[in-house]
Each structure stands twice: as structure tokens, then as C-alpha cells.
């Protein structure tokens, strides 16, 4: 299978000089088009995938009894002016 490079689209007037990189929805749309799903249902298909993912996170949180936290830490300024790295545990 050949290597395919996704196109870069231009943003609207608010960001005229920055390209809009494609994301997973671009390739999902190609697959949905290939299987014959009407374009009017694309937004619904994308939303259903997100809702299923959020629901899986809820079930995961209920099983462990704690919130899932990202591995990264915020290192910027806090509202009171302190740096987040000073209080990070």
C-alpha cells in the first residue's frame, strides 16, 4: 500500500497564514464514505464514538474509585502568581 500524505487545508479569515492539519476524523470520514454512510450521519458517527469513549472512562473510574489523571503536569503560573512546579507533588 502506498504512503498517502493528508492535505493541509487553510483556515478561515481568523488564521489565514496557518495550515489546518488533518486529524483522525479526516481518515474516519474517508472510511465512512467508503462504506456508504450518508454524509448527513458523519457528525452523529463522530459523536457516538466520543460518547462511547467518555462512557468507558466513567466505568473505569467507577471500578478504581478514583479519577483518571493525565501523566503530564501543568507547569505554568497559578492564579495567585505561584508556579505550579513549586507545589507539584
C-alpha atoms as a PDB file:
ATOM      1  CA  UNK A   1       0.000   0.000   0.000  1.00  0.00           C
ATOM      2  CA  UNK A   2       1.431   3.385  -0.957  1.00  0.00           C
ATOM      3  CA  UNK A   3       2.106   6.117   1.544  1.00  0.00           C
ATOM      4  CA  UNK A   4      -0.585   8.806   1.484  1.00  0.00           C
ATOM      5  CA  UNK A   5       0.060  12.308   2.758  1.00  0.00           C
ATOM      6  CA  UNK A   6      -3.017  14.107   4.017  1.00  0.00           C
ATOM      7  CA  UNK A   7      -3.635  17.541   2.547  1.00  0.00           C
ATOM      8  CA  UNK A   8      -3.268  20.732   4.535  1.00  0.00           C
ATOM      9  CA  UNK A   9      -6.354  22.901   4.466  1.00  0.00           C
ATOM     10  CA  UNK A  10      -6.376  26.637   5.005  1.00  0.00           C
ATOM     11  CA  UNK A  11      -8.225  28.047   7.964  1.00  0.00           C
ATOM     12  CA  UNK A  12     -10.792  30.804   7.730  1.00  0.00           C
ATOM     13  CA  UNK A  13     -10.036  34.522   7.881  1.00  0.00           C
ATOM     14  CA  UNK A  14      -9.062  34.372  11.580  1.00  0.00           C
ATOM     15  CA  UNK A  15      -5.956  32.252  10.829  1.00  0.00           C
ATOM     16  CA  UNK A  16      -5.046  32.925   7.192  1.00  0.00           C
ATOM     17  CA  UNK A  17      -1.344  32.029   7.438  1.00  0.00           C
ATOM     18  CA  UNK A  18      -1.572  28.818   9.498  1.00  0.00           C
ATOM     19  CA  UNK A  19      -2.338  25.479   7.836  1.00  0.00           C
ATOM     20  CA  UNK A  20      -5.067  23.270   9.258  1.00  0.00           C
ATOM     21  CA  UNK A  21      -3.569  19.816   9.754  1.00  0.00           C
ATOM     22  CA  UNK A  22      -5.809  16.813   9.308  1.00  0.00           C
ATOM     23  CA  UNK A  23      -6.722  14.645  12.283  1.00  0.00           C
ATOM     24  CA  UNK A  24      -8.296  11.222  12.792  1.00  0.00           C
ATOM     25  CA  UNK A  25     -11.726  12.482  11.674  1.00  0.00           C
ATOM     26  CA  UNK A  26     -10.331  13.068   8.184  1.00  0.00           C
ATOM     27  CA  UNK A  27      -9.464   9.384   7.820  1.00  0.00           C
ATOM     28  CA  UNK A  28     -12.655   8.285   9.577  1.00  0.00           C
ATOM     29  CA  UNK A  29     -14.654  10.313   7.060  1.00  0.00           C
ATOM     30  CA  UNK A  30     -12.864   8.502   4.228  1.00  0.00           C
ATOM     31  CA  UNK A  31     -13.801   5.145   5.774  1.00  0.00           C
ATOM     32  CA  UNK A  32     -17.416   6.205   6.382  1.00  0.00           C
ATOM     33  CA  UNK A  33     -17.673   7.406   2.800  1.00  0.00           C
ATOM     34  CA  UNK A  34     -16.202   4.112   1.556  1.00  0.00           C
ATOM     35  CA  UNK A  35     -18.800   2.019   3.409  1.00  0.00           C
ATOM     36  CA  UNK A  36     -21.629   4.181   2.066  1.00  0.00           C
ATOM     37  CA  UNK A  37     -22.744   6.054   5.178  1.00  0.00           C
ATOM     38  CA  UNK A  38     -24.615   9.220   4.147  1.00  0.00           C
ATOM     39  CA  UNK A  39     -22.653  12.391   4.870  1.00  0.00           C
ATOM     40  CA  UNK A  40     -25.553  13.709   6.933  1.00  0.00           C
ATOM     41  CA  UNK A  41     -24.732  10.998   9.513  1.00  0.00           C
ATOM     42  CA  UNK A  42     -20.980  11.694   9.782  1.00  0.00           C
ATOM     43  CA  UNK A  43     -21.356  14.095  12.719  1.00  0.00           C
ATOM     44  CA  UNK A  44     -23.539  11.575  14.528  1.00  0.00           C
ATOM     45  CA  UNK A  45     -20.963   8.824  13.936  1.00  0.00           C
ATOM     46  CA  UNK A  46     -18.136  11.014  15.303  1.00  0.00           C
ATOM     47  CA  UNK A  47     -20.215  11.992  18.346  1.00  0.00           C
ATOM     48  CA  UNK A  48     -21.175   8.385  19.088  1.00  0.00           C
ATOM     49  CA  UNK A  49     -17.513   7.398  19.171  1.00  0.00           C
ATOM     50  CA  UNK A  50     -16.707  10.180  21.609  1.00  0.00           C
ATOM     51  CA  UNK A  51     -19.656   9.362  23.875  1.00  0.00           C
ATOM     52  CA  UNK A  52     -18.623   5.696  23.941  1.00  0.00           C
ATOM     53  CA  UNK A  53     -15.106   6.731  24.946  1.00  0.00           C
ATOM     54  CA  UNK A  54     -16.371   9.020  27.702  1.00  0.00           C
ATOM     55  CA  UNK A  55     -18.650   6.234  28.967  1.00  0.00           C
ATOM     56  CA  UNK A  56     -15.713   3.823  29.072  1.00  0.00           C
ATOM     57  CA  UNK A  57     -13.794   6.369  31.170  1.00  0.00           C
ATOM     58  CA  UNK A  58     -16.732   6.610  33.593  1.00  0.00           C
ATOM     59  CA  UNK A  59     -16.849   2.823  34.010  1.00  0.00           C
ATOM     60  CA  UNK A  60     -13.088   2.755  34.521  1.00  0.00           C
ATOM     61  CA  UNK A  61     -13.331   5.466  37.180  1.00  0.00           C
ATOM     62  CA  UNK A  62     -16.146   3.637  38.972  1.00  0.00           C
ATOM     63  CA  UNK A  63     -14.084   0.429  39.119  1.00  0.00           C
ATOM     64  CA  UNK A  64     -10.957   2.072  40.517  1.00  0.00           C
ATOM     65  CA  UNK A  65     -12.731   4.551  42.783  1.00  0.00           C
ATOM     66  CA  UNK A  66     -10.585   7.452  41.629  1.00  0.00           C
ATOM     67  CA  UNK A  67     -10.411   9.929  38.804  1.00  0.00           C
ATOM     68  CA  UNK A  68      -8.074   9.163  35.947  1.00  0.00           C
ATOM     69  CA  UNK A  69      -5.341  11.781  35.844  1.00  0.00           C
ATOM     70  CA  UNK A  70      -3.128  12.563  32.861  1.00  0.00           C
ATOM     71  CA  UNK A  71       0.561  11.732  33.137  1.00  0.00           C
ATOM     72  CA  UNK A  72       1.613  15.305  32.362  1.00  0.00           C
ATOM     73  CA  UNK A  73       1.712  18.158  34.842  1.00  0.00           C
ATOM     74  CA  UNK A  74       0.858  21.815  34.355  1.00  0.00           C
ATOM     75  CA  UNK A  75       3.949  23.935  34.995  1.00  0.00           C
ATOM     76  CA  UNK A  76       2.606  27.421  34.322  1.00  0.00           C
ATOM     77  CA  UNK A  77       1.570  30.171  36.703  1.00  0.00           C
ATOM     78  CA  UNK A  78      -1.294  29.630  39.145  1.00  0.00           C
ATOM     79  CA  UNK A  79      -3.999  32.280  39.679  1.00  0.00           C
ATOM     80  CA  UNK A  80      -2.252  33.532  42.828  1.00  0.00           C
ATOM     81  CA  UNK A  81       1.049  34.015  40.953  1.00  0.00           C
ATOM     82  CA  UNK A  82       2.940  30.966  42.275  1.00  0.00           C
ATOM     83  CA  UNK A  83       4.385  28.486  39.810  1.00  0.00           C
ATOM     84  CA  UNK A  84       2.692  25.089  39.638  1.00  0.00           C
ATOM     85  CA  UNK A  85       6.018  23.231  39.784  1.00  0.00           C
ATOM     86  CA  UNK A  86       6.612  24.619  43.298  1.00  0.00           C
ATOM     87  CA  UNK A  87       3.557  22.799  44.651  1.00  0.00           C
ATOM     88  CA  UNK A  88       3.581  19.731  42.378  1.00  0.00           C
ATOM     89  CA  UNK A  89       3.839  16.545  44.373  1.00  0.00           C
END
